[in-house]
Amino acid sequence: AAYLIATVELAERFSFYGSSVVFTNFIQQPL
């Protein structure tokens, strides 16, 4: 059961860091 919950966290962290890793360029750099 711990592995199942860890899989949920894996998907959530994929989405969290996958999105936020490009925030710096999205905000700082011009189009």
PDB file of all heavy atoms in Angstrom:
ATOM      1  N   ALA A   1       0.827  -1.206   0.000  1.00  0.00           N
ATOM      2  CA  ALA A   1       0.000   0.000   0.000  1.00  0.00           C
ATOM      3  C   ALA A   1       0.863   1.259   0.000  1.00  0.00           C
ATOM      4  O   ALA A   1       0.474   2.279  -0.571  1.00  0.00           O
ATOM      5  CB  ALA A   1      -0.933   0.002   1.213  1.00  0.00           C
ATOM      6  N   ALA A   2       2.033   1.175   0.611  1.00  0.00           N
ATOM      7  CA  ALA A   2       2.939   2.334   0.628  1.00  0.00           C
ATOM      8  C   ALA A   2       3.430   2.653  -0.773  1.00  0.00           C
ATOM      9  O   ALA A   2       3.595   3.830  -1.138  1.00  0.00           O
ATOM     10  CB  ALA A   2       4.122   2.059   1.552  1.00  0.00           C
ATOM     11  N   TYR A   3       3.646   1.613  -1.596  1.00  0.00           N
ATOM     12  CA  TYR A   3       4.088   1.845  -2.972  1.00  0.00           C
ATOM     13  C   TYR A   3       2.983   2.492  -3.810  1.00  0.00           C
ATOM     14  O   TYR A   3       3.261   3.330  -4.668  1.00  0.00           O
ATOM     15  CB  TYR A   3       4.524   0.529  -3.613  1.00  0.00           C
ATOM     16  CG  TYR A   3       5.764  -0.061  -2.995  1.00  0.00           C
ATOM     17  CD1 TYR A   3       5.689  -1.201  -2.207  1.00  0.00           C
ATOM     18  CD2 TYR A   3       7.009   0.519  -3.193  1.00  0.00           C
ATOM     19  CE1 TYR A   3       6.822  -1.745  -1.631  1.00  0.00           C
ATOM     20  CE2 TYR A   3       8.143  -0.021  -2.632  1.00  0.00           C
ATOM     21  CZ  TYR A   3       8.045  -1.152  -1.848  1.00  0.00           C
ATOM     22  OH  TYR A   3       9.167  -1.685  -1.271  1.00  0.00           O
ATOM     23  N   LEU A   4       1.737   2.111  -3.565  1.00  0.00           N
ATOM     24  CA  LEU A   4       0.630   2.717  -4.300  1.00  0.00           C
ATOM     25  C   LEU A   4       0.534   4.210  -4.004  1.00  0.00           C
ATOM     26  O   LEU A   4       0.374   5.040  -4.909  1.00  0.00           O
ATOM     27  CB  LEU A   4      -0.685   2.018  -3.946  1.00  0.00           C
ATOM     28  CG  LEU A   4      -0.873   0.590  -4.455  1.00  0.00           C
ATOM     29  CD1 LEU A   4      -2.174  -0.001  -3.922  1.00  0.00           C
ATOM     30  CD2 LEU A   4      -0.867   0.557  -5.981  1.00  0.00           C
ATOM     31  N   ILE A   5       0.637   4.553  -2.733  1.00  0.00           N
ATOM     32  CA  ILE A   5       0.566   5.966  -2.352  1.00  0.00           C
ATOM     33  C   ILE A   5       1.779   6.718  -2.881  1.00  0.00           C
ATOM     34  O   ILE A   5       1.673   7.871  -3.317  1.00  0.00           O
ATOM     35  CB  ILE A   5       0.440   6.101  -0.823  1.00  0.00           C
ATOM     36  CG1 ILE A   5      -0.896   5.512  -0.369  1.00  0.00           C
ATOM     37  CG2 ILE A   5       0.554   7.558  -0.390  1.00  0.00           C
ATOM     38  CD1 ILE A   5      -1.060   5.412   1.116  1.00  0.00           C
ATOM     39  N   ALA A   6       2.943   6.066  -2.865  1.00  0.00           N
ATOM     40  CA  ALA A   6       4.137   6.699  -3.425  1.00  0.00           C
ATOM     41  C   ALA A   6       3.966   6.947  -4.925  1.00  0.00           C
ATOM     42  O   ALA A   6       4.491   7.935  -5.456  1.00  0.00           O
ATOM     43  CB  ALA A   6       5.368   5.819  -3.171  1.00  0.00           C
ATOM     44  N   THR A   7       3.226   6.078  -5.607  1.00  0.00           N
ATOM     45  CA  THR A   7       2.954   6.288  -7.031  1.00  0.00           C
ATOM     46  C   THR A   7       2.089   7.520  -7.240  1.00  0.00           C
ATOM     47  O   THR A   7       2.285   8.290  -8.191  1.00  0.00           O
ATOM     48  CB  THR A   7       2.265   5.049  -7.628  1.00  0.00           C
ATOM     49  OG1 THR A   7       3.114   3.905  -7.452  1.00  0.00           O
ATOM     50  CG2 THR A   7       1.982   5.235  -9.108  1.00  0.00           C
ATOM     51  N   VAL A   8       1.120   7.728  -6.350  1.00  0.00           N
ATOM     52  CA  VAL A   8       0.306   8.950  -6.403  1.00  0.00           C
ATOM     53  C   VAL A   8       1.202  10.174  -6.240  1.00  0.00           C
ATOM     54  O   VAL A   8       1.076  11.164  -6.976  1.00  0.00           O
ATOM     55  CB  VAL A   8      -0.777   8.927  -5.307  1.00  0.00           C
ATOM     56  CG1 VAL A   8      -1.520  10.262  -5.251  1.00  0.00           C
ATOM     57  CG2 VAL A   8      -1.764   7.797  -5.554  1.00  0.00           C
ATOM     58  N   GLU A   9       2.121  10.098  -5.293  1.00  0.00           N
ATOM     59  CA  GLU A   9       3.038  11.221  -5.075  1.00  0.00           C
ATOM     60  C   GLU A   9       3.950  11.426  -6.280  1.00  0.00           C
ATOM     61  O   GLU A   9       4.267  12.568  -6.643  1.00  0.00           O
ATOM     62  CB  GLU A   9       3.882  10.962  -3.815  1.00  0.00           C
ATOM     63  CG  GLU A   9       4.939  12.013  -3.520  1.00  0.00           C
ATOM     64  CD  GLU A   9       4.389  13.339  -3.025  1.00  0.00           C
ATOM     65  OE1 GLU A   9       3.173  13.562  -3.153  1.00  0.00           O
ATOM     66  OE2 GLU A   9       5.166  14.162  -2.524  1.00  0.00           O
ATOM     67  N   LEU A  10       4.395  10.340  -6.920  1.00  0.00           N
ATOM     68  CA  LEU A  10       5.220  10.456  -8.120  1.00  0.00           C
ATOM     69  C   LEU A  10       4.492  11.252  -9.205  1.00  0.00           C
ATOM     70  O   LEU A  10       5.059  12.162  -9.815  1.00  0.00           O
ATOM     71  CB  LEU A  10       5.583   9.054  -8.629  1.00  0.00           C
ATOM     72  CG  LEU A  10       6.515   8.962  -9.846  1.00  0.00           C
ATOM     73  CD1 LEU A  10       7.303   7.653  -9.799  1.00  0.00           C
ATOM     74  CD2 LEU A  10       5.757   9.039 -11.177  1.00  0.00           C
ATOM     75  N   ALA A  11       3.209  10.913  -9.438  1.00  0.00           N
ATOM     76  CA  ALA A  11       2.440  11.618 -10.469  1.00  0.00           C
ATOM     77  C   ALA A  11       2.227  13.080 -10.094  1.00  0.00           C
ATOM     78  O   ALA A  11       2.318  13.979 -10.941  1.00  0.00           O
ATOM     79  CB  ALA A  11       1.099  10.922 -10.682  1.00  0.00           C
ATOM     80  N   GLU A  12       1.945  13.331  -8.815  1.00  0.00           N
ATOM     81  CA  GLU A  12       1.723  14.706  -8.372  1.00  0.00           C
ATOM     82  C   GLU A  12       2.990  15.537  -8.481  1.00  0.00           C
ATOM     83  O   GLU A  12       2.965  16.700  -8.908  1.00  0.00           O
ATOM     84  CB  GLU A  12       1.198  14.704  -6.934  1.00  0.00           C
ATOM     85  CG  GLU A  12       0.665  16.038  -6.450  1.00  0.00           C
ATOM     86  CD  GLU A  12       1.742  16.950  -5.877  1.00  0.00           C
ATOM     87  OE1 GLU A  12       2.812  16.426  -5.501  1.00  0.00           O
ATOM     88  OE2 GLU A  12       1.512  18.178  -5.787  1.00  0.00           O
ATOM     89  N   ARG A  13       4.131  14.943  -8.115  1.00  0.00           N
ATOM     90  CA  ARG A  13       5.403  15.681  -8.204  1.00  0.00           C
ATOM     91  C   ARG A  13       5.839  15.863  -9.656  1.00  0.00           C
ATOM     92  O   ARG A  13       6.474  16.865  -9.996  1.00  0.00           O
ATOM     93  CB  ARG A  13       6.486  14.948  -7.426  1.00  0.00           C
ATOM     94  CG  ARG A  13       6.312  14.973  -5.917  1.00  0.00           C
ATOM     95  CD  ARG A  13       6.490  16.362  -5.327  1.00  0.00           C
ATOM     96  NE  ARG A  13       5.259  17.143  -5.231  1.00  0.00           N
ATOM     97  CZ  ARG A  13       5.185  18.362  -4.745  1.00  0.00           C
ATOM     98  NH1 ARG A  13       6.292  18.959  -4.303  1.00  0.00           N
ATOM     99  NH2 ARG A  13       4.038  19.011  -4.689  1.00  0.00           N
ATOM    100  N   PHE A  14       5.517  14.901 -10.522  1.00  0.00           N
ATOM    101  CA  PHE A  14       5.765  15.090 -11.958  1.00  0.00           C
ATOM    102  C   PHE A  14       5.051  16.348 -12.437  1.00  0.00           C
ATOM    103  O   PHE A  14       5.624  17.187 -13.132  1.00  0.00           O
ATOM    104  CB  PHE A  14       5.260  13.867 -12.741  1.00  0.00           C
ATOM    105  CG  PHE A  14       5.455  13.947 -14.232  1.00  0.00           C
ATOM    106  CD1 PHE A  14       6.445  13.210 -14.854  1.00  0.00           C
ATOM    107  CD2 PHE A  14       4.640  14.753 -15.023  1.00  0.00           C
ATOM    108  CE1 PHE A  14       6.631  13.273 -16.242  1.00  0.00           C
ATOM    109  CE2 PHE A  14       4.818  14.838 -16.403  1.00  0.00           C
ATOM    110  CZ  PHE A  14       5.820  14.095 -17.007  1.00  0.00           C
ATOM    111  N   SER A  15       3.800  16.465 -12.057  1.00  0.00           N
ATOM    112  CA  SER A  15       3.012  17.616 -12.509  1.00  0.00           C
ATOM    113  C   SER A  15       3.479  18.906 -11.849  1.00  0.00           C
ATOM    114  O   SER A  15       3.559  19.953 -12.504  1.00  0.00           O
ATOM    115  CB  SER A  15       1.529  17.372 -12.219  1.00  0.00           C
ATOM    116  OG  SER A  15       1.273  17.317 -10.831  1.00  0.00           O
ATOM    117  N   PHE A  16       3.815  18.836 -10.563  1.00  0.00           N
ATOM    118  CA  PHE A  16       4.222  20.048  -9.835  1.00  0.00           C
ATOM    119  C   PHE A  16       5.551  20.578 -10.366  1.00  0.00           C
ATOM    120  O   PHE A  16       5.674  21.743 -10.749  1.00  0.00           O
ATOM    121  CB  PHE A  16       4.327  19.738  -8.339  1.00  0.00           C
ATOM    122  CG  PHE A  16       4.758  20.910  -7.500  1.00  0.00           C
ATOM    123  CD1 PHE A  16       3.819  21.814  -7.023  1.00  0.00           C
ATOM    124  CD2 PHE A  16       6.092  21.112  -7.174  1.00  0.00           C
ATOM    125  CE1 PHE A  16       4.201  22.902  -6.242  1.00  0.00           C
ATOM    126  CE2 PHE A  16       6.483  22.189  -6.409  1.00  0.00           C
ATOM    127  CZ  PHE A  16       5.540  23.089  -5.936  1.00  0.00           C
ATOM    128  N   TYR A  17       6.573  19.709 -10.388  1.00  0.00           N
ATOM    129  CA  TYR A  17       7.894  20.159 -10.820  1.00  0.00           C
ATOM    130  C   TYR A  17       7.972  20.311 -12.337  1.00  0.00           C
ATOM    131  O   TYR A  17       8.697  21.176 -12.834  1.00  0.00           O
ATOM    132  CB  TYR A  17       8.969  19.190 -10.326  1.00  0.00           C
ATOM    133  CG  TYR A  17       9.271  19.350  -8.858  1.00  0.00           C
ATOM    134  CD1 TYR A  17       8.876  18.382  -7.939  1.00  0.00           C
ATOM    135  CD2 TYR A  17       9.943  20.463  -8.382  1.00  0.00           C
ATOM    136  CE1 TYR A  17       9.142  18.528  -6.585  1.00  0.00           C
ATOM    137  CE2 TYR A  17      10.208  20.622  -7.030  1.00  0.00           C
ATOM    138  CZ  TYR A  17       9.810  19.650  -6.141  1.00  0.00           C
ATOM    139  OH  TYR A  17      10.069  19.797  -4.803  1.00  0.00           O
ATOM    140  N   GLY A  18       7.243  19.464 -13.070  1.00  0.00           N
ATOM    141  CA  GLY A  18       7.234  19.603 -14.514  1.00  0.00           C
ATOM    142  C   GLY A  18       6.694  20.960 -14.941  1.00  0.00           C
ATOM    143  O   GLY A  18       7.183  21.561 -15.907  1.00  0.00           O
ATOM    144  N   SER A  19       5.702  21.453 -14.206  1.00  0.00           N
ATOM    145  CA  SER A  19       5.156  22.782 -14.502  1.00  0.00           C
ATOM    146  C   SER A  19       6.065  23.885 -13.979  1.00  0.00           C
ATOM    147  O   SER A  19       6.415  24.827 -14.702  1.00  0.00           O
ATOM    148  CB  SER A  19       3.761  22.931 -13.877  1.00  0.00           C
ATOM    149  OG  SER A  19       2.862  21.985 -14.390  1.00  0.00           O
ATOM    150  N   SER A  20       6.461  23.775 -12.709  1.00  0.00           N
ATOM    151  CA  SER A  20       7.172  24.888 -12.064  1.00  0.00           C
ATOM    152  C   SER A  20       8.597  25.064 -12.571  1.00  0.00           C
ATOM    153  O   SER A  20       9.171  26.146 -12.436  1.00  0.00           O
ATOM    154  CB  SER A  20       7.177  24.699 -10.541  1.00  0.00           C
ATOM    155  OG  SER A  20       7.840  23.500 -10.176  1.00  0.00           O
ATOM    156  N   VAL A  21       9.201  24.018 -13.175  1.00  0.00           N
ATOM    157  CA  VAL A  21      10.575  24.156 -13.648  1.00  0.00           C
ATOM    158  C   VAL A  21      10.681  25.196 -14.757  1.00  0.00           C
ATOM    159  O   VAL A  21      11.751  25.790 -14.956  1.00  0.00           O
ATOM    160  CB  VAL A  21      11.130  22.790 -14.127  1.00  0.00           C
ATOM    161  CG1 VAL A  21      10.496  22.369 -15.450  1.00  0.00           C
ATOM    162  CG2 VAL A  21      12.649  22.842 -14.259  1.00  0.00           C
ATOM    163  N   VAL A  22       9.594  25.435 -15.468  1.00  0.00           N
ATOM    164  CA  VAL A  22       9.635  26.423 -16.551  1.00  0.00           C
ATOM    165  C   VAL A  22       9.051  27.773 -16.135  1.00  0.00           C
ATOM    166  O   VAL A  22       8.964  28.689 -16.950  1.00  0.00           O
ATOM    167  CB  VAL A  22       8.900  25.894 -17.808  1.00  0.00           C
ATOM    168  CG1 VAL A  22       9.560  24.623 -18.313  1.00  0.00           C
ATOM    169  CG2 VAL A  22       7.421  25.657 -17.537  1.00  0.00           C
ATOM    170  N   PHE A  23       8.663  27.900 -14.876  1.00  0.00           N
ATOM    171  CA  PHE A  23       8.102  29.173 -14.404  1.00  0.00           C
ATOM    172  C   PHE A  23       9.103  30.321 -14.534  1.00  0.00           C
ATOM    173  O   PHE A  23       8.728  31.439 -14.899  1.00  0.00           O
ATOM    174  CB  PHE A  23       7.656  29.061 -12.943  1.00  0.00           C
ATOM    175  CG  PHE A  23       6.344  28.354 -12.740  1.00  0.00           C
ATOM    176  CD1 PHE A  23       5.885  28.082 -11.462  1.00  0.00           C
ATOM    177  CD2 PHE A  23       5.571  27.936 -13.819  1.00  0.00           C
ATOM    178  CE1 PHE A  23       4.679  27.430 -11.257  1.00  0.00           C
ATOM    179  CE2 PHE A  23       4.364  27.272 -13.623  1.00  0.00           C
ATOM    180  CZ  PHE A  23       3.922  27.018 -12.334  1.00  0.00           C
ATOM    181  N   THR A  24      10.374  30.064 -14.208  1.00  0.00           N
ATOM    182  CA  THR A  24      11.373  31.130 -14.229  1.00  0.00           C
ATOM    183  C   THR A  24      11.484  31.742 -15.619  1.00  0.00           C
ATOM    184  O   THR A  24      11.434  32.975 -15.777  1.00  0.00           O
ATOM    185  CB  THR A  24      12.744  30.603 -13.760  1.00  0.00           C
ATOM    186  OG1 THR A  24      12.632  30.161 -12.399  1.00  0.00           O
ATOM    187  CG2 THR A  24      13.803  31.700 -13.835  1.00  0.00           C
ATOM    188  N   ASN A  25      11.639  30.899 -16.635  1.00  0.00           N
ATOM    189  CA  ASN A  25      11.717  31.417 -18.005  1.00  0.00           C
ATOM    190  C   ASN A  25      10.397  32.056 -18.436  1.00  0.00           C
ATOM    191  O   ASN A  25      10.387  33.082 -19.122  1.00  0.00           O
ATOM    192  CB  ASN A  25      12.088  30.299 -18.980  1.00  0.00           C
ATOM    193  CG  ASN A  25      13.575  30.000 -18.957  1.00  0.00           C
ATOM    194  OD1 ASN A  25      14.353  30.705 -18.337  1.00  0.00           O
ATOM    195  ND2 ASN A  25      13.976  28.935 -19.642  1.00  0.00           N
ATOM    196  N   PHE A  26       9.271  31.452 -18.051  1.00  0.00           N
ATOM    197  CA  PHE A  26       7.960  31.972 -18.430  1.00  0.00           C
ATOM    198  C   PHE A  26       7.772  33.404 -17.918  1.00  0.00           C
ATOM    199  O   PHE A  26       7.258  34.277 -18.635  1.00  0.00           O
ATOM    200  CB  PHE A  26       6.865  31.068 -17.864  1.00  0.00           C
ATOM    201  CG  PHE A  26       5.468  31.418 -18.308  1.00  0.00           C
ATOM    202  CD1 PHE A  26       4.972  30.962 -19.519  1.00  0.00           C
ATOM    203  CD2 PHE A  26       4.635  32.194 -17.508  1.00  0.00           C
ATOM    204  CE1 PHE A  26       3.680  31.283 -19.938  1.00  0.00           C
ATOM    205  CE2 PHE A  26       3.348  32.520 -17.909  1.00  0.00           C
ATOM    206  CZ  PHE A  26       2.870  32.055 -19.132  1.00  0.00           C
ATOM    207  N   ILE A  27       8.208  33.657 -16.694  1.00  0.00           N
ATOM    208  CA  ILE A  27       8.016  34.979 -16.085  1.00  0.00           C
ATOM    209  C   ILE A  27       9.129  35.948 -16.495  1.00  0.00           C
ATOM    210  O   ILE A  27       8.867  37.096 -16.873  1.00  0.00           O
ATOM    211  CB  ILE A  27       7.985  34.863 -14.550  1.00  0.00           C
ATOM    212  CG1 ILE A  27       6.847  33.933 -14.107  1.00  0.00           C
ATOM    213  CG2 ILE A  27       7.830  36.234 -13.903  1.00  0.00           C
ATOM    214  CD1 ILE A  27       6.952  33.494 -12.665  1.00  0.00           C
ATOM    215  N   GLN A  28      10.384  35.490 -16.436  1.00  0.00           N
ATOM    216  CA  GLN A  28      11.530  36.393 -16.582  1.00  0.00           C
ATOM    217  C   GLN A  28      11.790  36.807 -18.030  1.00  0.00           C
ATOM    218  O   GLN A  28      11.996  37.990 -18.309  1.00  0.00           O
ATOM    219  CB  GLN A  28      12.783  35.738 -16.014  1.00  0.00           C
ATOM    220  CG  GLN A  28      14.043  36.582 -16.178  1.00  0.00           C
ATOM    221  CD  GLN A  28      15.274  35.904 -15.590  1.00  0.00           C
ATOM    222  OE1 GLN A  28      15.147  34.953 -14.829  1.00  0.00           O
ATOM    223  NE2 GLN A  28      16.446  36.382 -15.931  1.00  0.00           N
ATOM    224  N   GLN A  29      11.799  35.852 -18.936  1.00  0.00           N
ATOM    225  CA  GLN A  29      12.245  36.119 -20.301  1.00  0.00           C
ATOM    226  C   GLN A  29      11.100  36.628 -21.184  1.00  0.00           C
ATOM    227  O   GLN A  29       9.948  36.220 -21.011  1.00  0.00           O
ATOM    228  CB  GLN A  29      12.840  34.840 -20.923  1.00  0.00           C
ATOM    229  CG  GLN A  29      13.927  34.183 -20.092  1.00  0.00           C
ATOM    230  CD  GLN A  29      15.177  35.040 -19.955  1.00  0.00           C
ATOM    231  OE1 GLN A  29      15.383  35.973 -20.729  1.00  0.00           O
ATOM    232  NE2 GLN A  29      16.017  34.721 -18.977  1.00  0.00           N
ATOM    233  N   PRO A  30      11.389  37.484 -22.155  1.00  0.00           N
ATOM    234  CA  PRO A  30      10.347  37.962 -23.061  1.00  0.00           C
ATOM    235  C   PRO A  30       9.974  36.906 -24.098  1.00  0.00           C
ATOM    236  O   PRO A  30      10.735  35.959 -24.338  1.00  0.00           O
ATOM    237  CB  PRO A  30      11.008  39.181 -23.727  1.00  0.00           C
ATOM    238  CG  PRO A  30      12.471  38.863 -23.697  1.00  0.00           C
ATOM    239  CD  PRO A  30      12.706  38.104 -22.409  1.00  0.00           C
ATOM    240  N   LEU A  31       8.819  37.087 -24.700  1.00  0.00           N
ATOM    241  CA  LEU A  31       8.381  36.194 -25.772  1.00  0.00           C
ATOM    242  C   LEU A  31       9.351  36.323 -26.940  1.00  0.00           C
ATOM    243  O   LEU A  31       9.585  37.421 -27.446  1.00  0.00           O
ATOM    244  CB  LEU A  31       6.976  36.581 -26.221  1.00  0.00           C
ATOM    245  CG  LEU A  31       6.220  35.606 -27.126  1.00  0.00           C
ATOM    246  CD1 LEU A  31       5.835  34.345 -26.358  1.00  0.00           C
ATOM    247  CD2 LEU A  31       4.976  36.272 -27.707  1.00  0.00           C
TER     248      LEU A  31
END
